[in-house]
Amino acid sequence: MQTYSPQHTVEYLFRQLAQFGSYPKGVEPTSRRIEGLAFFPGGSGLRLAQPGLPLPPMPVGGVMVLGHIFNTVAGYDQSVRDNTENENSPTWRPLLNFLAACRVAAASCFFTNGYMGLKANPAGSFGAFFRSLLGDDRDHRDYIERCQGFLLKQIQAQQPRLLLVLGKDVWPVLAPLALELASWTTSRTFRDLDECHDALVRVQFDGLLHQTVVVALTQPTQPYHRRNVEQRIYGDQTGDTAEMALVRTAHQRSWLQPGTGDDA
């Protein structure tokens, strides 16, 4: 059995998640914890977490890597059986490679999601699933608001100086938390965000004494990454080069020292 400290920041977040409330139709809660490598709330969200060992420290003041939702129920069940997510999966491997190329040490990151729970139906695209959550259904509206509130709790708990946002599906949860992200509520594509020079924004989140540099990045998973990264423009850079330049600039503006990336 893995050893948990009630004082650990991740334990605090799991206790808060237990009070999240109900989930709307189409979303199922996570019920068991993956002890190895796993995005929160499937697991601890810590790169060096290992089954049977105490949790590594939360990288307070470090980097938050924000995805949309953990997985489908079926994908989650498989990771629970394995007690880890697959490091060579279509999401983890390109993400870890990208962080290493940007000299962001994965051990300095908290990997988490904006939408709590799991996609119940394995059929259909994630994009269509998220659009359904943003409709006029009252239960869905309440759920989105609770996700926004819980994301703010995560930010306040970790106090990241750099926040890397994976994909635009999570923008509706993050953007209402800071006035500086207003253009993220009206931009429909990465090109829209790049053209208004708001893909990299210094933000003051409620409850933090410092500002956080927030960066909009594409989802690492193919084919979504290739389809979206071709739109990217930053300075005189385009595509993957533009995204790497965004992260390098964000490191400088966040006052974080780039890591070696060797732990990826």
Protein backbone atom coordinates (compact mmCIF):
# COMPACT_ATOMS: atom_id res chain seq x y z
CA MET A 1 0.00 0.00 0.00
CA GLN A 2 1.14 3.50 -0.77
CA THR A 3 1.84 5.74 2.20
CA TYR A 4 -0.08 9.03 2.25
CA SER A 5 0.55 12.03 4.44
CA PRO A 6 -2.58 13.97 5.42
CA GLN A 7 -0.49 17.14 5.25
CA HIS A 8 0.47 16.60 1.60
CA THR A 9 -1.05 19.11 -0.81
CA VAL A 10 -2.33 16.32 -3.04
CA GLU A 11 -4.16 14.82 -0.05
CA TYR A 12 -5.76 18.21 0.60
CA LEU A 13 -6.98 18.30 -3.01
CA PHE A 14 -8.43 14.80 -2.80
CA ARG A 15 -10.27 15.78 0.39
CA GLN A 16 -11.66 18.84 -1.39
CA LEU A 17 -12.63 16.71 -4.39
CA ALA A 18 -14.64 14.42 -2.11
CA GLN A 19 -16.89 17.45 -1.49
CA PHE A 20 -17.22 18.30 -5.20
CA GLY A 21 -20.85 17.27 -5.43
CA SER A 22 -22.80 15.46 -8.14
CA TYR A 23 -21.70 14.90 -11.73
CA PRO A 24 -24.01 15.50 -14.69
CA LYS A 25 -25.16 12.93 -17.23
CA GLY A 26 -22.20 11.83 -19.33
CA VAL A 27 -19.61 12.38 -16.58
CA GLU A 28 -18.61 9.78 -13.99
CA PRO A 29 -16.48 10.47 -10.88
CA THR A 30 -13.12 8.87 -10.26
CA SER A 31 -13.44 6.32 -7.46
CA ARG A 32 -9.98 4.76 -7.01
CA ARG A 33 -6.54 6.29 -6.98
CA ILE A 34 -3.75 5.32 -9.36
CA GLU A 35 -0.54 5.17 -7.31
CA GLY A 36 1.96 5.55 -10.16
CA LEU A 37 2.23 8.10 -12.96
CA ALA A 38 -1.17 9.70 -13.55
CA PHE A 39 -2.76 13.08 -14.08
CA PHE A 40 -4.88 14.30 -11.17
CA PRO A 41 -7.62 13.31 -10.27
CA GLY A 42 -6.87 9.80 -11.55
CA GLY A 43 -3.68 9.88 -9.50
CA SER A 44 -1.45 12.34 -7.70
CA GLY A 45 -0.39 14.28 -10.80
CA LEU A 46 3.27 13.96 -9.78
CA ARG A 47 5.87 12.65 -12.23
CA LEU A 48 7.87 10.63 -9.70
CA ALA A 49 4.95 8.97 -7.90
CA GLN A 50 5.51 5.23 -7.52
CA PRO A 51 3.29 2.47 -6.10
CA GLY A 52 4.15 1.58 -2.52
CA LEU A 53 6.25 4.67 -1.87
CA PRO A 54 5.44 8.00 -0.17
CA LEU A 55 4.31 10.73 -2.51
CA PRO A 56 7.04 13.04 -3.80
CA PRO A 57 6.66 16.70 -2.76
CA MET A 58 4.12 18.90 -4.49
CA PRO A 59 6.10 21.37 -6.65
CA VAL A 60 4.68 24.45 -4.95
CA GLY A 61 5.60 27.56 -6.91
CA GLY A 62 6.51 25.42 -9.91
CA VAL A 63 4.68 24.45 -13.09
CA MET A 64 1.06 23.39 -13.52
CA VAL A 65 0.31 21.35 -16.65
CA LEU A 66 -3.43 21.61 -17.25
CA GLY A 67 -5.33 19.14 -19.44
CA HIS A 68 -9.07 18.89 -19.98
CA ILE A 69 -10.46 15.65 -18.43
CA PHE A 70 -8.66 12.58 -17.15
CA ASN A 71 -9.94 9.95 -19.58
CA THR A 72 -12.90 7.79 -20.47
CA VAL A 73 -14.18 5.36 -17.85
CA ALA A 74 -12.65 2.48 -19.81
CA GLY A 75 -9.24 4.16 -20.07
CA TYR A 76 -9.30 5.00 -16.38
CA ASP A 77 -10.23 1.43 -15.41
CA GLN A 78 -7.26 0.11 -17.38
CA SER A 79 -4.88 2.53 -15.63
CA VAL A 80 -6.32 1.52 -12.25
CA ARG A 81 -5.60 -2.13 -13.07
CA ASP A 82 -2.05 -1.22 -14.12
CA ASN A 83 -1.71 1.17 -11.14
CA THR A 84 -0.14 3.69 -13.56
CA GLU A 85 -0.84 5.46 -16.79
CA ASN A 86 1.22 4.32 -19.74
CA GLU A 87 4.29 6.56 -20.03
CA ASN A 88 4.46 5.68 -23.73
CA SER A 89 0.83 6.59 -24.40
CA PRO A 90 -0.10 9.01 -27.21
CA THR A 91 -0.46 11.76 -24.59
CA TRP A 92 2.34 11.16 -22.09
CA ARG A 93 5.24 10.39 -24.45
CA PRO A 94 4.93 13.49 -26.70
CA LEU A 95 4.21 15.65 -23.64
CA LEU A 96 7.29 14.44 -21.76
CA ASN A 97 9.40 14.85 -24.89
CA PHE A 98 8.12 18.39 -25.37
CA LEU A 99 8.83 19.36 -21.77
CA ALA A 100 12.34 17.92 -22.01
CA ALA A 101 12.98 19.82 -25.25
CA CYS A 102 11.85 23.02 -23.50
CA ARG A 103 14.09 22.21 -20.51
CA VAL A 104 11.10 21.96 -18.18
CA ALA A 105 11.81 19.29 -15.57
CA ALA A 106 8.74 17.05 -15.37
CA ALA A 107 9.38 16.60 -11.63
CA SER A 108 8.74 20.34 -11.21
CA CYS A 109 5.22 19.95 -12.66
CA PHE A 110 1.80 19.15 -11.27
CA PHE A 111 -0.18 17.39 -14.01
CA THR A 112 -3.89 17.96 -13.59
CA ASN A 113 -7.20 18.63 -15.35
CA GLY A 114 -9.81 21.35 -15.47
CA TYR A 115 -12.84 19.08 -15.74
CA MET A 116 -13.24 16.68 -12.85
CA GLY A 117 -14.44 13.14 -13.48
CA LEU A 118 -14.39 10.93 -16.56
CA LYS A 119 -16.05 10.81 -19.96
CA ALA A 120 -18.65 8.10 -19.44
CA ASN A 121 -19.26 7.15 -23.07
CA PRO A 122 -16.24 5.86 -24.99
CA ALA A 123 -17.94 6.68 -28.29
CA GLY A 124 -17.79 10.13 -29.85
CA SER A 125 -15.06 12.75 -29.87
CA PHE A 126 -13.85 14.61 -26.82
CA GLY A 127 -14.56 17.87 -28.66
CA ALA A 128 -18.24 17.03 -29.05
CA PHE A 129 -18.34 15.88 -25.43
CA PHE A 130 -17.01 19.21 -24.15
CA ARG A 131 -19.37 21.19 -26.38
CA SER A 132 -22.26 19.27 -24.83
CA LEU A 133 -21.09 20.30 -21.36
CA LEU A 134 -21.20 23.96 -22.36
CA GLY A 135 -24.84 23.89 -23.41
CA ASP A 136 -27.86 25.31 -21.59
CA ASP A 137 -28.51 22.30 -19.38
CA ARG A 138 -28.68 23.46 -15.75
CA ASP A 139 -26.82 20.44 -14.39
CA HIS A 140 -24.01 21.02 -16.88
CA ARG A 141 -23.81 24.73 -16.04
CA ASP A 142 -23.56 23.93 -12.33
CA TYR A 143 -20.89 21.34 -13.07
CA ILE A 144 -18.80 23.80 -15.10
CA GLU A 145 -19.02 26.38 -12.31
CA ARG A 146 -17.89 23.79 -9.75
CA CYS A 147 -15.01 22.79 -12.03
CA GLN A 148 -13.99 26.44 -12.20
CA GLY A 149 -14.09 26.74 -8.43
CA PHE A 150 -12.12 23.54 -7.95
CA LEU A 151 -9.50 24.60 -10.49
CA LEU A 152 -8.99 27.80 -8.50
CA LYS A 153 -8.47 25.65 -5.38
CA GLN A 154 -5.83 23.67 -7.26
CA ILE A 155 -4.08 26.86 -8.34
CA GLN A 156 -4.18 28.28 -4.84
CA ALA A 157 -2.82 25.02 -3.41
CA GLN A 158 0.11 24.70 -5.83
CA GLN A 159 0.71 28.44 -6.40
CA PRO A 160 2.26 27.85 -9.85
CA ARG A 161 4.43 30.51 -11.42
CA LEU A 162 3.95 28.90 -14.83
CA LEU A 163 0.74 27.32 -16.11
CA LEU A 164 0.89 25.32 -19.36
CA VAL A 165 -2.61 24.83 -20.79
CA LEU A 166 -3.03 21.80 -23.07
CA GLY A 167 -5.70 22.35 -25.70
CA LYS A 168 -8.51 24.84 -26.04
CA ASP A 169 -11.26 22.61 -24.60
CA VAL A 170 -10.23 23.64 -21.09
CA TRP A 171 -10.28 27.39 -21.85
CA PRO A 172 -13.95 27.77 -20.69
CA VAL A 173 -12.98 26.48 -17.22
CA LEU A 174 -9.78 28.50 -16.83
CA ALA A 175 -10.56 31.82 -18.53
CA PRO A 176 -13.28 33.05 -16.08
CA LEU A 177 -10.75 32.85 -13.24
CA ALA A 178 -8.75 35.90 -14.37
CA LEU A 179 -9.62 39.16 -16.14
CA GLU A 180 -6.38 38.93 -18.09
CA LEU A 181 -7.73 35.85 -19.89
CA ALA A 182 -10.79 37.62 -21.31
CA SER A 183 -9.69 37.05 -24.92
CA TRP A 184 -9.62 33.29 -24.24
CA THR A 185 -13.41 33.38 -23.88
CA THR A 186 -13.89 34.90 -27.37
CA SER A 187 -11.06 33.24 -29.32
CA ARG A 188 -12.22 30.14 -31.16
CA THR A 189 -8.87 28.98 -32.51
CA PHE A 190 -5.19 29.13 -31.61
CA ARG A 191 -4.66 31.46 -34.56
CA ASP A 192 -7.19 33.90 -33.02
CA LEU A 193 -5.29 33.85 -29.74
CA ASP A 194 -1.89 34.20 -31.39
CA GLU A 195 -2.99 37.12 -33.56
CA CYS A 196 -4.16 39.10 -30.52
CA HIS A 197 -0.86 38.23 -28.76
CA ASP A 198 -2.62 36.60 -25.82
CA ALA A 199 -1.24 33.06 -26.01
CA LEU A 200 1.19 34.05 -23.25
CA VAL A 201 -0.38 36.13 -20.47
CA ARG A 202 0.75 37.21 -17.02
CA VAL A 203 -2.21 36.59 -14.71
CA GLN A 204 -3.10 37.49 -11.13
CA PHE A 205 -5.20 34.66 -9.72
CA ASP A 206 -7.28 35.29 -6.62
CA GLY A 207 -5.46 34.17 -3.47
CA LEU A 208 -1.93 34.19 -4.92
CA LEU A 209 0.67 36.74 -3.84
CA HIS A 210 2.52 36.46 -7.13
CA GLN A 211 1.50 36.51 -10.77
CA THR A 212 1.38 33.38 -12.92
CA VAL A 213 2.47 33.20 -16.54
CA VAL A 214 -0.18 31.27 -18.49
CA VAL A 215 0.61 29.72 -21.88
CA ALA A 216 -1.83 28.25 -24.40
CA LEU A 217 -0.44 25.07 -25.97
CA THR A 218 -1.95 22.47 -28.26
CA GLN A 219 -2.99 19.04 -27.03
CA PRO A 220 0.04 16.73 -27.37
CA THR A 221 -2.09 13.82 -28.58
CA GLN A 222 -2.26 13.14 -32.31
CA PRO A 223 -4.07 13.93 -34.56
CA TYR A 224 -5.21 16.94 -32.52
CA HIS A 225 -1.70 18.27 -32.07
CA ARG A 226 -0.74 18.30 -35.75
CA ARG A 227 -4.05 19.81 -36.81
CA ASN A 228 -3.74 22.69 -34.31
CA VAL A 229 0.00 23.31 -34.09
CA GLU A 230 0.12 24.26 -37.77
CA GLN A 231 -1.89 27.37 -36.83
CA ARG A 232 0.63 28.58 -34.24
CA ILE A 233 2.49 31.88 -34.66
CA TYR A 234 4.79 33.48 -32.10
CA GLY A 235 7.06 36.28 -33.26
CA ASP A 236 8.73 35.00 -36.41
CA GLN A 237 8.23 31.36 -35.37
CA THR A 238 5.49 28.99 -36.51
CA GLY A 239 4.23 25.52 -35.63
CA ASP A 240 6.10 23.44 -33.05
CA THR A 241 8.92 25.97 -32.99
CA ALA A 242 6.46 28.69 -31.97
CA GLU A 243 5.19 26.60 -29.05
CA MET A 244 8.70 25.92 -27.82
CA ALA A 245 9.51 29.63 -28.07
CA LEU A 246 6.38 30.41 -26.06
CA VAL A 247 7.47 28.11 -23.23
CA ARG A 248 11.04 29.44 -23.22
CA THR A 249 9.77 33.01 -22.99
CA ALA A 250 7.31 32.00 -20.29
CA HIS A 251 10.15 30.54 -18.23
CA GLN A 252 11.98 33.86 -18.37
CA ARG A 253 8.89 35.85 -17.41
CA SER A 254 7.89 33.49 -14.58
CA TRP A 255 11.30 33.76 -12.87
CA LEU A 256 11.57 29.97 -12.84
CA GLN A 257 14.94 28.46 -13.71
CA PRO A 258 14.62 25.96 -16.59
CA GLY A 259 15.44 22.41 -15.56
CA THR A 260 17.48 19.98 -17.57
CA GLY A 261 14.49 17.89 -18.60
CA ASP A 262 16.54 14.79 -17.73
CA ASP A 263 13.80 13.33 -15.56
CA ALA A 264 11.34 13.15 -18.43
